[in-house]
Protein backbone atom coordinates (compact mmCIF):
# COMPACT_ATOMS: atom_id res chain seq x y z
CA MET A 1 -6.23 -135.36 151.11
CA GLN A 2 -9.06 -136.94 153.11
CA PRO A 3 -11.82 -134.53 154.19
CA THR A 4 -11.79 -133.59 157.86
CA GLN A 5 -14.48 -135.49 159.75
CA PRO A 6 -16.83 -133.31 161.81
CA THR A 7 -16.49 -133.57 165.58
CA TRP A 8 -19.46 -133.68 167.93
CA LYS A 9 -18.79 -130.01 168.65
CA ASP A 10 -19.15 -129.29 164.92
CA VAL A 11 -22.38 -131.30 164.71
CA VAL A 12 -23.99 -129.55 167.69
CA ALA A 13 -22.89 -126.12 166.47
CA GLU A 14 -24.40 -126.75 163.05
CA ALA A 15 -27.66 -127.94 164.64
CA LEU A 16 -27.88 -124.76 166.71
CA ARG A 17 -27.23 -122.60 163.66
CA ASP A 18 -30.08 -124.36 161.88
CA LEU A 19 -32.29 -123.71 164.93
CA GLY A 20 -31.57 -119.99 164.90
CA GLY A 21 -28.65 -119.97 167.33
CA GLU A 22 -30.64 -120.85 170.48
CA ALA A 23 -32.62 -123.96 171.38
CA HIS A 24 -33.62 -126.41 174.08
CA LEU A 25 -31.58 -129.57 174.39
CA ARG A 26 -34.49 -131.72 173.19
CA ASP A 27 -34.71 -129.64 169.99
CA ILE A 28 -30.97 -130.02 169.43
CA ASN A 29 -31.39 -133.78 169.85
CA GLU A 30 -34.22 -133.86 167.32
CA ARG A 31 -32.13 -131.90 164.86
CA VAL A 32 -29.12 -134.20 165.25
CA ALA A 33 -31.13 -137.45 165.16
CA GLY A 34 -30.27 -139.35 162.03
CA HIS A 35 -26.82 -137.80 161.61
CA GLU A 36 -24.27 -140.41 160.53
CA LYS A 37 -22.37 -140.00 163.81
CA THR A 38 -25.38 -141.23 165.80
CA ALA A 39 -25.26 -144.61 164.03
CA THR A 40 -22.05 -145.58 165.82
CA ASN A 41 -22.83 -143.92 169.14
CA PRO A 42 -25.80 -145.44 171.02
CA THR A 43 -25.41 -142.83 173.79
CA TRP A 44 -25.28 -139.85 171.44
CA ARG A 45 -27.86 -137.89 173.46
CA ASP A 46 -25.55 -138.07 176.48
CA THR A 47 -22.69 -136.98 174.22
CA ILE A 48 -24.64 -133.90 173.12
CA ARG A 49 -25.40 -133.02 176.75
CA ARG A 50 -21.68 -133.30 177.53
CA VAL A 51 -20.67 -131.17 174.55
CA VAL A 52 -22.95 -128.21 175.33
CA ARG A 53 -21.67 -128.16 178.92
CA GLN A 54 -18.04 -128.56 177.98
CA TYR A 55 -17.33 -126.01 175.26
CA SER A 56 -17.37 -122.28 175.85
CA MET A 57 -19.08 -121.66 172.49
CA PHE A 58 -22.29 -123.13 173.95
CA GLU A 59 -23.73 -120.83 176.60
CA PRO A 60 -26.55 -121.88 178.96
CA VAL A 61 -29.52 -119.51 178.89
CA PRO A 62 -30.95 -118.45 182.28
CA PRO A 63 -32.65 -119.53 184.42
CA ALA A 64 -30.40 -122.30 185.70
CA ARG A 65 -31.26 -125.78 184.42
CA SER A 66 -33.52 -124.37 181.72
CA GLY A 67 -32.01 -126.79 179.23
CA VAL A 68 -31.67 -123.99 176.68
CA TYR A 69 -28.34 -123.18 175.05
CA ARG A 70 -27.22 -120.45 172.71
CA LEU A 71 -24.37 -120.52 170.24
CA VAL A 72 -21.70 -117.91 170.94
CA GLU A 73 -19.72 -117.43 167.75
CA THR A 74 -16.94 -115.13 168.84
CA THR A 75 -13.89 -114.29 166.78
CA VAL A 76 -10.63 -115.05 168.56
CA PRO A 77 -8.47 -111.89 168.40
CA THR A 78 -5.44 -112.10 166.16
CA PRO A 79 -2.43 -112.50 168.48
CA GLN A 80 0.07 -109.67 168.49
CA ALA A 81 3.83 -109.81 169.08
CA GLN A 82 4.60 -109.95 172.79
CA SER A 83 7.59 -110.16 175.12
CA ILE A 84 8.07 -111.60 178.60
CA ASP A 85 10.27 -108.95 180.19
CA GLY A 86 10.80 -110.45 183.64
CA ALA A 87 9.60 -107.36 185.50
CA ASP A 88 6.72 -108.89 187.45
CA GLU A 89 6.17 -112.58 188.22
CA GLU A 90 2.37 -112.47 188.11
CA ILE A 91 2.23 -110.44 184.91
CA ASN A 92 4.75 -112.76 183.26
CA HIS A 93 2.74 -115.79 184.34
CA SER A 94 -0.38 -114.37 182.65
CA ILE A 95 1.59 -113.52 179.50
CA ALA A 96 3.05 -117.04 179.31
CA GLN A 97 -0.41 -118.58 179.79
CA GLY A 98 -1.85 -116.30 177.14
CA MET A 99 0.91 -117.20 174.69
CA LEU A 100 0.31 -120.92 175.26
CA VAL A 101 -3.46 -120.58 174.82
CA SER A 102 -2.99 -118.55 171.63
CA LEU A 103 -0.51 -121.05 170.23
CA GLY A 104 -2.89 -123.91 171.01
CA ARG A 105 -5.69 -122.21 169.11
CA LEU A 106 -3.36 -121.35 166.20
CA TYR A 107 -2.33 -125.01 165.98
CA GLY A 108 -5.93 -126.23 165.99
CA TYR A 109 -6.21 -127.62 169.53
CA GLU A 110 -9.01 -127.11 172.03
CA THR A 111 -7.64 -125.16 175.01
CA PHE A 112 -8.34 -124.91 178.74
CA VAL A 113 -7.06 -122.93 181.73
CA PRO A 114 -8.25 -123.15 185.37
CA ALA A 115 -11.62 -121.55 186.14
CA THR A 116 -10.11 -118.85 188.36
CA ASP A 117 -7.57 -117.93 185.68
CA GLN A 118 -10.35 -117.69 183.09
CA THR A 119 -11.80 -114.74 185.02
CA MET A 120 -8.77 -113.30 186.85
CA ARG A 121 -6.00 -113.40 184.24
CA SER A 122 -5.81 -111.48 180.97
CA PHE A 123 -3.71 -111.46 177.82
CA GLN A 124 -3.52 -108.59 175.36
CA GLY A 125 -6.68 -107.00 176.75
CA GLU A 126 -8.79 -110.18 176.80
CA LYS A 127 -9.73 -112.37 179.76
CA LEU A 128 -8.30 -115.86 179.31
CA GLY A 129 -11.86 -117.16 179.53
CA GLN A 130 -12.56 -115.36 176.24
CA LEU A 131 -9.62 -117.09 174.57
CA VAL A 132 -10.04 -120.72 175.67
CA SER A 133 -12.44 -123.07 173.88
CA VAL A 134 -13.13 -125.51 176.74
CA ARG A 135 -15.15 -124.26 179.71
CA ASP A 136 -14.54 -127.29 181.92
CA CYS A 137 -12.65 -130.59 181.59
CA ALA A 138 -14.56 -132.63 184.19
CA SER A 139 -15.90 -135.13 181.67
CA VAL A 140 -12.38 -135.80 180.37
CA PHE A 141 -10.95 -136.72 183.76
CA PRO A 142 -13.64 -138.44 185.86
CA SER A 143 -11.24 -139.34 188.64
CA ARG A 144 -10.24 -138.50 192.17
CA ASN A 145 -7.48 -136.30 190.73
CA LEU A 146 -9.84 -133.99 188.85
CA SER A 147 -9.45 -131.07 191.27
CA ARG A 148 -5.65 -131.09 190.79
CA ILE A 149 -5.83 -131.51 187.01
CA ARG A 150 -8.21 -128.55 186.79
CA GLN A 151 -5.40 -126.41 188.26
CA ILE A 152 -2.89 -127.17 185.48
CA ASP A 153 -2.04 -123.84 183.85
CA VAL A 154 -2.81 -124.76 180.22
CA LEU A 155 -4.15 -127.90 178.55
CA TRP A 156 -4.33 -128.59 174.81
CA PHE A 157 -6.87 -131.21 173.69
CA ASP A 158 -7.60 -133.07 170.50
CA GLU A 159 -10.93 -134.82 169.95
CA ASP A 160 -12.09 -138.16 168.59
CA ASP A 161 -15.47 -139.91 168.63
CA ASP A 162 -15.08 -140.60 172.35
CA GLY A 163 -14.52 -136.93 173.17
CA LEU A 164 -11.60 -134.76 174.17
CA PHE A 165 -8.22 -136.13 175.21
CA PRO A 166 -5.12 -134.21 176.39
CA VAL A 167 -2.18 -133.95 174.00
CA TYR A 168 -0.02 -131.33 175.74
CA ALA A 169 -0.07 -129.98 179.29
CA PHE A 170 1.84 -126.93 180.53
CA GLU A 171 2.78 -125.60 183.94
CA VAL A 172 4.20 -122.07 184.15
CA GLU A 173 6.36 -122.03 187.27
CA HIS A 174 8.90 -119.96 189.17
CA THR A 175 11.67 -121.14 191.56
CA THR A 176 10.59 -123.72 194.15
CA ARG A 177 7.08 -124.18 192.73
CA VAL A 178 8.48 -126.32 189.91
CA ARG A 179 7.91 -129.47 191.99
CA ASP A 180 4.26 -128.59 192.62
CA GLY A 181 3.70 -128.07 188.91
CA MET A 182 5.29 -131.39 188.01
CA ASP A 183 3.17 -133.18 190.60
CA ARG A 184 0.00 -131.68 189.10
CA LEU A 185 1.01 -132.72 185.59
CA LEU A 186 1.44 -136.30 186.75
CA LYS A 187 -2.18 -136.41 187.91
CA ILE A 188 -3.19 -136.78 184.24
CA PRO A 189 -4.05 -140.49 183.90
CA ALA A 190 -1.34 -142.60 182.29
CA ARG A 191 -3.74 -143.85 179.61
CA PHE A 192 -3.36 -140.43 177.97
CA PRO A 193 0.06 -140.11 176.25
CA ALA A 194 0.20 -136.36 176.94
CA ARG A 195 3.53 -134.48 176.75
CA LEU A 196 4.18 -132.61 179.99
CA PHE A 197 5.87 -129.19 179.84
CA VAL A 198 7.34 -127.01 182.55
CA VAL A 199 7.78 -123.44 181.27
CA ALA A 200 9.89 -121.17 183.48
CA PRO A 201 12.20 -118.12 183.43
CA GLY A 202 15.71 -119.61 183.42
CA ASP A 203 18.66 -121.30 185.11
CA GLU A 204 17.32 -121.67 188.64
CA GLU A 205 14.15 -123.43 187.53
CA GLU A 206 15.88 -125.61 184.94
CA HIS A 207 18.49 -126.81 187.43
CA LEU A 208 15.76 -127.69 189.94
CA PHE A 209 13.77 -129.46 187.19
CA GLN A 210 16.79 -131.59 186.25
CA ARG A 211 17.54 -132.45 189.90
CA LEU A 212 13.95 -133.55 190.48
CA LEU A 213 14.06 -135.85 187.46
CA GLU A 214 17.01 -137.66 189.04
CA GLN A 215 14.99 -138.44 192.17
CA ALA A 216 12.22 -140.92 192.87
CA PRO A 217 9.37 -140.93 192.09
CA LEU A 218 9.79 -138.41 189.25
CA SER A 219 12.75 -140.26 187.72
CA GLN A 220 10.49 -142.96 186.29
CA TYR A 221 8.54 -140.31 184.36
CA ARG A 222 11.48 -138.36 182.95
CA HIS A 223 10.58 -139.46 179.39
CA LYS A 224 7.27 -137.56 179.67
CA PHE A 225 8.66 -134.20 180.78
CA VAL A 226 10.02 -131.28 178.78
CA PHE A 227 11.52 -128.05 180.13
CA ARG A 228 11.28 -124.83 178.15
CA ARG A 229 12.44 -121.32 179.09
CA TYR A 230 10.42 -118.16 178.70
CA HIS A 231 12.60 -116.95 175.84
CA GLN A 232 11.90 -120.17 173.90
CA LEU A 233 8.15 -119.74 174.35
CA GLU A 234 8.41 -116.08 173.37
CA GLY A 235 10.38 -116.94 170.24
CA LEU A 236 7.90 -119.59 169.09
CA TYR A 237 4.91 -117.36 169.83
CA ASN A 238 6.27 -114.36 167.95
CA LEU A 239 7.20 -116.47 164.93
CA ALA A 240 3.66 -117.87 164.93
CA THR A 241 2.10 -114.40 165.09
CA GLU A 242 4.36 -113.18 162.29
CA HIS A 243 3.30 -116.15 160.17
CA GLY A 244 -0.34 -115.43 160.97
CA ALA A 245 0.00 -111.82 159.87
CA HIS A 246 1.60 -112.83 156.56
CA ARG A 247 -1.07 -115.50 156.04
CA ASP A 248 -3.88 -113.01 156.59
CA GLU A 249 -2.27 -110.43 154.30
CA PHE A 250 -1.89 -113.06 151.58
CA GLY A 251 -5.53 -114.00 151.99
CA VAL A 252 -5.54 -117.73 152.80
CA LEU A 253 -6.85 -119.72 155.75
CA GLU A 254 -5.29 -122.64 157.57
CA ARG A 255 -7.09 -125.96 157.51
CA THR A 256 -7.11 -127.79 160.83
CA ALA A 257 -6.02 -131.39 160.23
CA ARG A 258 -7.33 -134.00 162.67
CA LEU A 259 -5.52 -137.28 162.89
């Protein structure tokens, strides 16, 4: 098995650890200078600036624009079994988002939810902002559609030497809002081969989803879309948490494989 190559996030995090967990951007640059990744990236200083602004594990130290960042090494809570009971639409929406974020982290992806949801929505006693790994996705989508993409309920990213790129995108929708969710998903630029999911309660939403895929302009993108019901998400999530509990009890760790 080939060793996993460090990402720029890994490199910056290691530099900050070596610097005591908090440092000015210029000191981070000095620490990283000479790393093998800088040899193939002539704009590596710009990359480091992007990384510290992008990931939630790097926290800016007041005052604003001080250029100082601290490393926040938080432990993501172990997900617990959960159900979506259908009692309240808003509560169920938060639960579904939380399940998707937790699954993304379990599967080794970087995760994002909209800024308002990071502070306003919770899952199993934690704000979603405490669970996601990406603070903002502006540098991934420098386009006129950024404001709409930032409103997609959950994004899973992988990372290569050029930075983050979306792999899966999820909209949690009810009834007539299915169309709005699908429209937002299609704002992701076509150069990214992301799989687009609509996650919803049941028959009404699935029938609307299928009707929309028969109509222009959505019909030409039907190969990109997937519909999943709440009970399917719940089943996958609970199986994953059960596996995680058995893994922890056995005493082994998963190794994140990057392609």
